[in-house]
Amino acid sequence: MFVDSHCHLSFPELAERIDDIRADMVAASVDRALCICTTLEEFDTVQGLAARFDNFWCSAGVHPDNEGVREPRIEDLVELAQRPRVVAIGETGLDYYRLNGRGLDDMEWQRERFRVHIRAGRATGLPLVVHTRSASADTLRLLREEGAEAVGGVFHCFTETMQVAREALDLGFHVSFSGILTFKSAVELQEVARYVPLERCLIETDSPYLAPVPFRGRTNTPALVPYVARKLAELKGVAVEEVAVATSRNFESLFKTSLKT
């Protein structure tokens, strides 16, 4: 019924109890999940989860905020994209939130890494999983410059403005909402959720982070993604079943997946 479009089940606090997590997913009617890669070093573990379970898929990429890790080349990502169950390039994008005394000019390495991912997406035809934090102008600029509308993708864990949402939609991207949508303080984000057409929405946990209300502050898991769906349904004035059907259909369309593949 529900699909978690972005989770980190390879992280130790989740990987060590994967059987319990999967049982909780069944109990919560969460039938699919996309396991997200954040470093090349992590890829084999992430892809191994997708290969082991027929309702998991995975991505290939290096998170923009990760330093001191193996730097991806286009050919690296293209090669990994050929592996079974890989349906997306990312998590990629830009993150200027923690500059640690650096200026924006010093973040060219991040911008170049993002370009590599976009080019790999175009080379493989796989959609992009985009992370952007305190960097939306450059994120949108690079997506346009590199022709990312040819492959599309998703702005995951969306926390940006209405204008950024409009521009993401104009580029053909989906917008994914996480447990942040349930936070009392997320008034502006809730307005964005009302605006984004349901046929362009995804839901996610970004677990182990960002557990929704009433579990805020605890370790998040895919079993909690229905709480995001319920909040999105409330904001749009529709039944939660309608959100479940639409976001599952959107997931299948964007990532070219079904429970039979």
C-alpha atoms as a PDB file:
ATOM      1  CA  MET A   1       0.000   0.000   0.000  1.00  0.00           C
ATOM      2  CA  PHE A   2       2.714   2.514   1.013  1.00  0.00           C
ATOM      3  CA  VAL A   3       6.187   3.016  -0.471  1.00  0.00           C
ATOM      4  CA  ASP A   4       9.152   4.523   1.355  1.00  0.00           C
ATOM      5  CA  SER A   5      10.971   6.277  -1.475  1.00  0.00           C
ATOM      6  CA  HIS A   6      14.113   7.128   0.525  1.00  0.00           C
ATOM      7  CA  CYS A   7      15.691   5.277   3.433  1.00  0.00           C
ATOM      8  CA  HIS A   8      19.146   4.280   4.651  1.00  0.00           C
ATOM      9  CA  LEU A   9      18.725   0.676   5.707  1.00  0.00           C
ATOM     10  CA  SER A  10      22.461   0.031   5.288  1.00  0.00           C
ATOM     11  CA  PHE A  11      23.251   2.281   8.244  1.00  0.00           C
ATOM     12  CA  PRO A  12      24.326   0.137  11.220  1.00  0.00           C
ATOM     13  CA  GLU A  13      21.439   1.028  13.558  1.00  0.00           C
ATOM     14  CA  LEU A  14      18.997  -0.323  10.960  1.00  0.00           C
ATOM     15  CA  ALA A  15      21.015  -3.010   9.170  1.00  0.00           C
ATOM     16  CA  GLU A  16      21.549  -4.965  12.360  1.00  0.00           C
ATOM     17  CA  ARG A  17      17.788  -5.427  12.812  1.00  0.00           C
ATOM     18  CA  ILE A  18      16.640  -5.702   9.218  1.00  0.00           C
ATOM     19  CA  ASP A  19      14.348  -8.673   9.873  1.00  0.00           C
ATOM     20  CA  ASP A  20      12.436  -6.779  12.562  1.00  0.00           C
ATOM     21  CA  ILE A  21      12.229  -3.715  10.335  1.00  0.00           C
ATOM     22  CA  ARG A  22      10.774  -5.771   7.516  1.00  0.00           C
ATOM     23  CA  ALA A  23       8.226  -7.344   9.852  1.00  0.00           C
ATOM     24  CA  ASP A  24       7.204  -3.874  11.028  1.00  0.00           C
ATOM     25  CA  MET A  25       6.839  -2.799   7.393  1.00  0.00           C
ATOM     26  CA  VAL A  26       4.426  -5.664   6.727  1.00  0.00           C
ATOM     27  CA  ALA A  27       2.380  -4.749   9.811  1.00  0.00           C
ATOM     28  CA  ALA A  28       2.206  -1.126   8.640  1.00  0.00           C
ATOM     29  CA  SER A  29       1.290  -2.016   5.030  1.00  0.00           C
ATOM     30  CA  VAL A  30       4.572  -0.612   3.696  1.00  0.00           C
ATOM     31  CA  ASP A  31       5.317  -2.937   0.822  1.00  0.00           C
ATOM     32  CA  ARG A  32       8.344  -1.336  -0.870  1.00  0.00           C
ATOM     33  CA  ALA A  33      11.415   0.777  -0.133  1.00  0.00           C
ATOM     34  CA  LEU A  34      14.253   2.465  -2.016  1.00  0.00           C
ATOM     35  CA  CYS A  35      17.592   2.011  -0.229  1.00  0.00           C
ATOM     36  CA  ILE A  36      19.794   5.040  -0.804  1.00  0.00           C
ATOM     37  CA  CYS A  37      23.547   4.978  -1.339  1.00  0.00           C
ATOM     38  CA  THR A  38      25.669   7.790   0.147  1.00  0.00           C
ATOM     39  CA  THR A  39      29.248   6.648  -0.655  1.00  0.00           C
ATOM     40  CA  LEU A  40      30.871   4.342  -3.179  1.00  0.00           C
ATOM     41  CA  GLU A  41      32.345   2.449  -0.242  1.00  0.00           C
ATOM     42  CA  GLU A  42      28.798   1.720   0.964  1.00  0.00           C
ATOM     43  CA  PHE A  43      27.381   0.668  -2.400  1.00  0.00           C
ATOM     44  CA  ASP A  44      27.908  -3.090  -2.123  1.00  0.00           C
ATOM     45  CA  THR A  45      26.030  -3.166   1.186  1.00  0.00           C
ATOM     46  CA  VAL A  46      23.167  -1.069  -0.161  1.00  0.00           C
ATOM     47  CA  GLN A  47      22.894  -3.061  -3.371  1.00  0.00           C
ATOM     48  CA  GLY A  48      23.134  -6.273  -1.376  1.00  0.00           C
ATOM     49  CA  LEU A  49      19.948  -5.374   0.496  1.00  0.00           C
ATOM     50  CA  ALA A  50      18.118  -4.760  -2.767  1.00  0.00           C
ATOM     51  CA  ALA A  51      19.414  -7.994  -4.243  1.00  0.00           C
ATOM     52  CA  ARG A  52      18.379  -9.961  -1.157  1.00  0.00           C
ATOM     53  CA  PHE A  53      14.800  -8.698  -0.884  1.00  0.00           C
ATOM     54  CA  ASP A  54      12.426  -8.477  -3.828  1.00  0.00           C
ATOM     55  CA  ASN A  55      10.602  -5.387  -2.516  1.00  0.00           C
ATOM     56  CA  PHE A  56      13.775  -3.292  -2.107  1.00  0.00           C
ATOM     57  CA  TRP A  57      15.579  -1.298  -4.777  1.00  0.00           C
ATOM     58  CA  CYS A  58      18.655   0.915  -4.510  1.00  0.00           C
ATOM     59  CA  SER A  59      20.544   3.890  -5.878  1.00  0.00           C
ATOM     60  CA  ALA A  60      24.202   4.580  -6.690  1.00  0.00           C
ATOM     61  CA  GLY A  61      25.833   7.823  -5.628  1.00  0.00           C
ATOM     62  CA  VAL A  62      27.819   9.937  -3.193  1.00  0.00           C
ATOM     63  CA  HIS A  63      26.063  12.342  -0.832  1.00  0.00           C
ATOM     64  CA  PRO A  64      27.151  15.967  -1.363  1.00  0.00           C
ATOM     65  CA  ASP A  65      28.109  16.432   2.279  1.00  0.00           C
ATOM     66  CA  ASN A  66      30.455  13.433   2.451  1.00  0.00           C
ATOM     67  CA  GLU A  67      34.135  14.351   2.476  1.00  0.00           C
ATOM     68  CA  GLY A  68      37.157  12.094   2.697  1.00  0.00           C
ATOM     69  CA  VAL A  69      35.467   9.391   0.629  1.00  0.00           C
ATOM     70  CA  ARG A  70      36.147   7.994  -2.824  1.00  0.00           C
ATOM     71  CA  GLU A  71      35.230  10.575  -5.434  1.00  0.00           C
ATOM     72  CA  PRO A  72      32.871   9.238  -8.121  1.00  0.00           C
ATOM     73  CA  ARG A  73      33.655   9.376 -11.812  1.00  0.00           C
ATOM     74  CA  ILE A  74      30.947   9.219 -14.457  1.00  0.00           C
ATOM     75  CA  GLU A  75      32.169   5.805 -15.527  1.00  0.00           C
ATOM     76  CA  ASP A  76      31.998   4.533 -11.924  1.00  0.00           C
ATOM     77  CA  LEU A  77      28.347   5.500 -11.591  1.00  0.00           C
ATOM     78  CA  VAL A  78      27.477   4.191 -15.044  1.00  0.00           C
ATOM     79  CA  GLU A  79      29.044   0.834 -14.165  1.00  0.00           C
ATOM     80  CA  LEU A  80      27.218   0.601 -10.832  1.00  0.00           C
ATOM     81  CA  ALA A  81      23.954   1.537 -12.526  1.00  0.00           C
ATOM     82  CA  GLN A  82      24.136  -1.709 -14.516  1.00  0.00           C
ATOM     83  CA  ARG A  83      23.957  -3.804 -11.347  1.00  0.00           C
ATOM     84  CA  PRO A  84      20.653  -5.531 -10.506  1.00  0.00           C
ATOM     85  CA  ARG A  85      18.011  -3.490  -8.659  1.00  0.00           C
ATOM     86  CA  VAL A  86      19.729  -0.099  -9.197  1.00  0.00           C
ATOM     87  CA  VAL A  87      17.016   2.343 -10.257  1.00  0.00           C
ATOM     88  CA  ALA A  88      18.435   5.820  -9.510  1.00  0.00           C
ATOM     89  CA  ILE A  89      21.559   7.967  -9.379  1.00  0.00           C
ATOM     90  CA  GLY A  90      22.209   9.641  -6.045  1.00  0.00           C
ATOM     91  CA  GLU A  91      21.852  10.743  -3.373  1.00  0.00           C
ATOM     92  CA  THR A  92      23.413  13.759  -5.016  1.00  0.00           C
ATOM     93  CA  GLY A  93      23.047  17.530  -4.978  1.00  0.00           C
ATOM     94  CA  LEU A  94      24.471  20.420  -2.976  1.00  0.00           C
ATOM     95  CA  ASP A  95      24.663  21.163   0.732  1.00  0.00           C
ATOM     96  CA  TYR A  96      26.021  24.514   1.910  1.00  0.00           C
ATOM     97  CA  TYR A  97      24.619  24.227   5.437  1.00  0.00           C
ATOM     98  CA  ARG A  98      27.950  23.377   7.069  1.00  0.00           C
ATOM     99  CA  LEU A  99      30.613  25.420   5.340  1.00  0.00           C
ATOM    100  CA  ASN A 100      32.960  25.165   8.339  1.00  0.00           C
ATOM    101  CA  GLY A 101      34.514  28.548   7.666  1.00  0.00           C
ATOM    102  CA  ARG A 102      34.628  28.126   3.893  1.00  0.00           C
ATOM    103  CA  GLY A 103      33.016  30.370   1.317  1.00  0.00           C
ATOM    104  CA  LEU A 104      30.802  29.303  -1.576  1.00  0.00           C
ATOM    105  CA  ASP A 105      33.767  29.532  -3.937  1.00  0.00           C
ATOM    106  CA  ASP A 106      35.406  26.793  -1.882  1.00  0.00           C
ATOM    107  CA  MET A 107      32.522  24.420  -2.615  1.00  0.00           C
ATOM    108  CA  GLU A 108      33.320  23.926  -6.286  1.00  0.00           C
ATOM    109  CA  TRP A 109      34.212  20.311  -5.479  1.00  0.00           C
ATOM    110  CA  GLN A 110      30.596  19.759  -4.493  1.00  0.00           C
ATOM    111  CA  ARG A 111      29.301  21.376  -7.647  1.00  0.00           C
ATOM    112  CA  GLU A 112      31.620  19.262  -9.794  1.00  0.00           C
ATOM    113  CA  ARG A 113      30.497  16.104  -7.964  1.00  0.00           C
ATOM    114  CA  PHE A 114      26.887  17.063  -8.659  1.00  0.00           C
ATOM    115  CA  ARG A 115      27.666  17.568 -12.359  1.00  0.00           C
ATOM    116  CA  VAL A 116      29.215  14.086 -12.472  1.00  0.00           C
ATOM    117  CA  HIS A 117      26.030  12.566 -11.084  1.00  0.00           C
ATOM    118  CA  ILE A 118      23.773  14.465 -13.486  1.00  0.00           C
ATOM    119  CA  ARG A 119      25.918  13.361 -16.429  1.00  0.00           C
ATOM    120  CA  ALA A 120      25.798   9.776 -15.188  1.00  0.00           C
ATOM    121  CA  GLY A 121      22.036  10.067 -14.946  1.00  0.00           C
ATOM    122  CA  ARG A 122      21.851  11.239 -18.529  1.00  0.00           C
ATOM    123  CA  ALA A 123      24.228   8.484 -19.667  1.00  0.00           C
ATOM    124  CA  THR A 124      22.161   5.763 -17.995  1.00  0.00           C
ATOM    125  CA  GLY A 125      18.687   7.249 -18.284  1.00  0.00           C
ATOM    126  CA  LEU A 126      18.181   6.808 -14.541  1.00  0.00           C
ATOM    127  CA  PRO A 127      16.418   9.496 -12.484  1.00  0.00           C
ATOM    128  CA  LEU A 128      18.297  11.601  -9.940  1.00  0.00           C
ATOM    129  CA  VAL A 129      17.743  11.606  -6.181  1.00  0.00           C
ATOM    130  CA  VAL A 130      18.505  15.223  -5.288  1.00  0.00           C
ATOM    131  CA  HIS A 131      19.515  16.565  -1.879  1.00  0.00           C
ATOM    132  CA  THR A 132      19.633  20.330  -1.506  1.00  0.00           C
ATOM    133  CA  ARG A 133      20.208  22.310   1.665  1.00  0.00           C
ATOM    134  CA  SER A 134      20.986  26.031   1.800  1.00  0.00           C
ATOM    135  CA  ALA A 135      21.917  25.710  -1.877  1.00  0.00           C
ATOM    136  CA  SER A 136      18.698  25.729  -3.887  1.00  0.00           C
ATOM    137  CA  ALA A 137      19.741  28.413  -6.411  1.00  0.00           C
ATOM    138  CA  ASP A 138      22.898  26.552  -7.412  1.00  0.00           C
ATOM    139  CA  THR A 139      21.092  23.209  -7.331  1.00  0.00           C
ATOM    140  CA  LEU A 140      18.486  24.397  -9.809  1.00  0.00           C
ATOM    141  CA  ARG A 141      21.090  26.179 -11.941  1.00  0.00           C
ATOM    142  CA  LEU A 142      23.248  23.080 -12.340  1.00  0.00           C
ATOM    143  CA  LEU A 143      20.240  20.884 -13.089  1.00  0.00           C
ATOM    144  CA  ARG A 144      19.302  23.262 -15.897  1.00  0.00           C
ATOM    145  CA  GLU A 145      22.844  23.663 -17.209  1.00  0.00           C
ATOM    146  CA  GLU A 146      23.373  19.906 -17.347  1.00  0.00           C
ATOM    147  CA  GLY A 147      20.021  19.127 -18.960  1.00  0.00           C
ATOM    148  CA  ALA A 148      18.682  17.137 -16.013  1.00  0.00           C
ATOM    149  CA  GLU A 149      15.119  17.495 -17.262  1.00  0.00           C
ATOM    150  CA  ALA A 150      16.014  14.719 -19.728  1.00  0.00           C
ATOM    151  CA  VAL A 151      15.987  12.182 -16.891  1.00  0.00           C
ATOM    152  CA  GLY A 152      14.078  13.901 -14.093  1.00  0.00           C
ATOM    153  CA  GLY A 153      14.115  12.617 -10.565  1.00  0.00           C
ATOM    154  CA  VAL A 154      13.041  13.722  -7.127  1.00  0.00           C
ATOM    155  CA  PHE A 155      13.883  16.492  -4.689  1.00  0.00           C
ATOM    156  CA  HIS A 156      13.988  14.295  -1.613  1.00  0.00           C
ATOM    157  CA  CYS A 157      13.097  15.371   1.938  1.00  0.00           C
ATOM    158  CA  PHE A 158      11.825  18.655   0.571  1.00  0.00           C
ATOM    159  CA  THR A 159      12.181  21.646   2.919  1.00  0.00           C
ATOM    160  CA  GLU A 160      12.584  24.473   0.411  1.00  0.00           C
ATOM    161  CA  THR A 161      10.292  27.348  -0.557  1.00  0.00           C
ATOM    162  CA  MET A 162       7.228  27.369  -2.744  1.00  0.00           C
ATOM    163  CA  GLN A 163       9.271  28.960  -5.531  1.00  0.00           C
ATOM    164  CA  VAL A 164      11.841  26.161  -5.427  1.00  0.00           C
ATOM    165  CA  ALA A 165       9.003  23.632  -5.600  1.00  0.00           C
ATOM    166  CA  ARG A 166       7.600  25.399  -8.666  1.00  0.00           C
ATOM    167  CA  GLU A 167      10.979  25.352 -10.382  1.00  0.00           C
ATOM    168  CA  ALA A 168      11.550  21.703  -9.511  1.00  0.00           C
ATOM    169  CA  LEU A 169       8.172  20.818 -10.983  1.00  0.00           C
ATOM    170  CA  ASP A 170       8.936  22.888 -14.082  1.00  0.00           C
ATOM    171  CA  LEU A 171      12.054  20.762 -14.576  1.00  0.00           C
ATOM    172  CA  GLY A 172       9.893  17.651 -14.468  1.00  0.00           C
ATOM    173  CA  PHE A 173      10.995  16.539 -11.005  1.00  0.00           C
ATOM    174  CA  HIS A 174       8.909  14.979  -8.266  1.00  0.00           C
ATOM    175  CA  VAL A 175       8.832  16.338  -4.717  1.00  0.00           C
ATOM    176  CA  SER A 176       9.170  13.989  -1.749  1.00  0.00           C
ATOM    177  CA  PHE A 177       7.931  14.741   1.745  1.00  0.00           C
ATOM    178  CA  SER A 178       9.397  13.258   4.927  1.00  0.00           C
ATOM    179  CA  GLY A 179       8.403  13.209   8.588  1.00  0.00           C
ATOM    180  CA  ILE A 180       9.234  16.916   8.746  1.00  0.00           C
ATOM    181  CA  LEU A 181       5.814  17.473   7.164  1.00  0.00           C
ATOM    182  CA  THR A 182       4.203  16.353  10.442  1.00  0.00           C
ATOM    183  CA  PHE A 183       6.136  18.829  12.599  1.00  0.00           C
ATOM    184  CA  LYS A 184       4.083  21.634  14.137  1.00  0.00           C
ATOM    185  CA  SER A 185       6.676  24.181  13.026  1.00  0.00           C
ATOM    186  CA  ALA A 186       6.539  23.124   9.351  1.00  0.00           C
ATOM    187  CA  VAL A 187       3.809  25.589   8.377  1.00  0.00           C
ATOM    188  CA  GLU A 188       5.450  26.793   5.154  1.00  0.00           C
ATOM    189  CA  LEU A 189       6.312  23.253   4.092  1.00  0.00           C
ATOM    190  CA  GLN A 190       2.717  22.215   4.647  1.00  0.00           C
ATOM    191  CA  GLU A 191       1.632  24.956   2.244  1.00  0.00           C
ATOM    192  CA  VAL A 192       4.070  23.582  -0.315  1.00  0.00           C
ATOM    193  CA  ALA A 193       2.579  20.114   0.171  1.00  0.00           C
ATOM    194  CA  ARG A 194      -0.885  21.507  -0.522  1.00  0.00           C
ATOM    195  CA  TYR A 195       0.436  23.083  -3.725  1.00  0.00           C
ATOM    196  CA  VAL A 196       2.390  20.187  -5.258  1.00  0.00           C
ATOM    197  CA  PRO A 197       0.046  18.056  -7.406  1.00  0.00           C
ATOM    198  CA  LEU A 198      -0.521  14.624  -5.925  1.00  0.00           C
ATOM    199  CA  GLU A 199       0.669  13.050  -9.175  1.00  0.00           C
ATOM    200  CA  ARG A 200       4.114  14.552  -8.516  1.00  0.00           C
ATOM    201  CA  CYS A 201       4.384  13.674  -4.808  1.00  0.00           C
ATOM    202  CA  LEU A 202       6.407  10.964  -3.125  1.00  0.00           C
ATOM    203  CA  ILE A 203       6.636  10.082   0.557  1.00  0.00           C
ATOM    204  CA  GLU A 204       9.707   8.941   2.471  1.00  0.00           C
ATOM    205  CA  THR A 205      11.224   8.458   5.894  1.00  0.00           C
ATOM    206  CA  ASP A 206      14.913   9.292   5.283  1.00  0.00           C
ATOM    207  CA  SER A 207      15.314   6.770   8.100  1.00  0.00           C
ATOM    208  CA  PRO A 208      17.007   6.471  10.512  1.00  0.00           C
ATOM    209  CA  TYR A 209      16.438  10.246  10.672  1.00  0.00           C
ATOM    210  CA  LEU A 210      13.413  12.527  10.969  1.00  0.00           C
ATOM    211  CA  ALA A 211      10.837  10.287  12.597  1.00  0.00           C
ATOM    212  CA  PRO A 212       7.360  11.784  12.208  1.00  0.00           C
ATOM    213  CA  VAL A 213       5.117  12.947  15.019  1.00  0.00           C
ATOM    214  CA  PRO A 214       4.329  11.224  17.411  1.00  0.00           C
ATOM    215  CA  PHE A 215       7.714   9.455  17.199  1.00  0.00           C
ATOM    216  CA  ARG A 216       9.854  12.559  16.764  1.00  0.00           C
ATOM    217  CA  GLY A 217      13.324  12.117  18.243  1.00  0.00           C
ATOM    218  CA  ARG A 218      13.302   8.330  17.935  1.00  0.00           C
ATOM    219  CA  THR A 219      14.998   6.159  15.333  1.00  0.00           C
ATOM    220  CA  ASN A 220      12.956   6.265  12.151  1.00  0.00           C
ATOM    221  CA  THR A 221      12.142   3.219   9.996  1.00  0.00           C
ATOM    222  CA  PRO A 222      10.133   2.636   6.800  1.00  0.00           C
ATOM    223  CA  ALA A 223       7.210   1.394   8.914  1.00  0.00           C
ATOM    224  CA  LEU A 224       6.536   5.018   9.896  1.00  0.00           C
ATOM    225  CA  VAL A 225       6.032   6.361   6.363  1.00  0.00           C
ATOM    226  CA  PRO A 226       2.217   6.001   6.680  1.00  0.00           C
ATOM    227  CA  TYR A 227       2.301   8.900   9.153  1.00  0.00           C
ATOM    228  CA  VAL A 228       3.707  11.102   6.391  1.00  0.00           C
ATOM    229  CA  ALA A 229       0.993   9.850   4.049  1.00  0.00           C
ATOM    230  CA  ARG A 230      -1.718  10.642   6.591  1.00  0.00           C
ATOM    231  CA  LYS A 231      -0.457  14.192   7.032  1.00  0.00           C
ATOM    232  CA  LEU A 232      -0.262  14.699   3.277  1.00  0.00           C
ATOM    233  CA  ALA A 233      -3.821  13.364   2.943  1.00  0.00           C
ATOM    234  CA  GLU A 234      -5.012  15.736   5.655  1.00  0.00           C
ATOM    235  CA  LEU A 235      -3.392  18.719   3.943  1.00  0.00           C
ATOM    236  CA  LYS A 236      -4.897  17.824   0.579  1.00  0.00           C
ATOM    237  CA  GLY A 237      -8.306  16.908   1.962  1.00  0.00           C
ATOM    238  CA  VAL A 238      -8.307  13.391   0.529  1.00  0.00           C
ATOM    239  CA  ALA A 239      -8.364   9.877   1.952  1.00  0.00           C
ATOM    240  CA  VAL A 240      -5.043   8.382   2.963  1.00  0.00           C
ATOM    241  CA  GLU A 241      -5.752   5.497   0.575  1.00  0.00           C
ATOM    242  CA  GLU A 242      -5.723   7.981  -2.305  1.00  0.00           C
ATOM    243  CA  VAL A 243      -2.300   9.243  -1.227  1.00  0.00           C
ATOM    244  CA  ALA A 244      -1.040   5.664  -0.903  1.00  0.00           C
ATOM    245  CA  VAL A 245      -2.212   4.744  -4.400  1.00  0.00           C
ATOM    246  CA  ALA A 246      -0.911   7.934  -6.006  1.00  0.00           C
ATOM    247  CA  THR A 247       2.515   7.941  -4.370  1.00  0.00           C
ATOM    248  CA  SER A 248       2.986   4.235  -5.109  1.00  0.00           C
ATOM    249  CA  ARG A 249       2.055   4.826  -8.740  1.00  0.00           C
ATOM    250  CA  ASN A 250       4.435   7.798  -8.894  1.00  0.00           C
ATOM    251  CA  PHE A 251       7.235   5.666  -7.455  1.00  0.00           C
ATOM    252  CA  GLU A 252       6.672   2.950 -10.035  1.00  0.00           C
ATOM    253  CA  SER A 253       6.562   5.444 -12.887  1.00  0.00           C
ATOM    254  CA  LEU A 254       9.635   7.419 -11.857  1.00  0.00           C
ATOM    255  CA  PHE A 255      11.880   4.503 -10.921  1.00  0.00           C
ATOM    256  CA  LYS A 256      10.452   1.999 -13.441  1.00  0.00           C
ATOM    257  CA  THR A 257       9.685  -0.543 -10.725  1.00  0.00           C
ATOM    258  CA  SER A 258       6.922  -2.847  -9.668  1.00  0.00           C
ATOM    259  CA  LEU A 259       6.694  -5.711  -7.215  1.00  0.00           C
ATOM    260  CA  LYS A 260       7.183  -8.026 -10.207  1.00  0.00           C
ATOM    261  CA  THR A 261      10.610  -6.636 -11.153  1.00  0.00           C
END
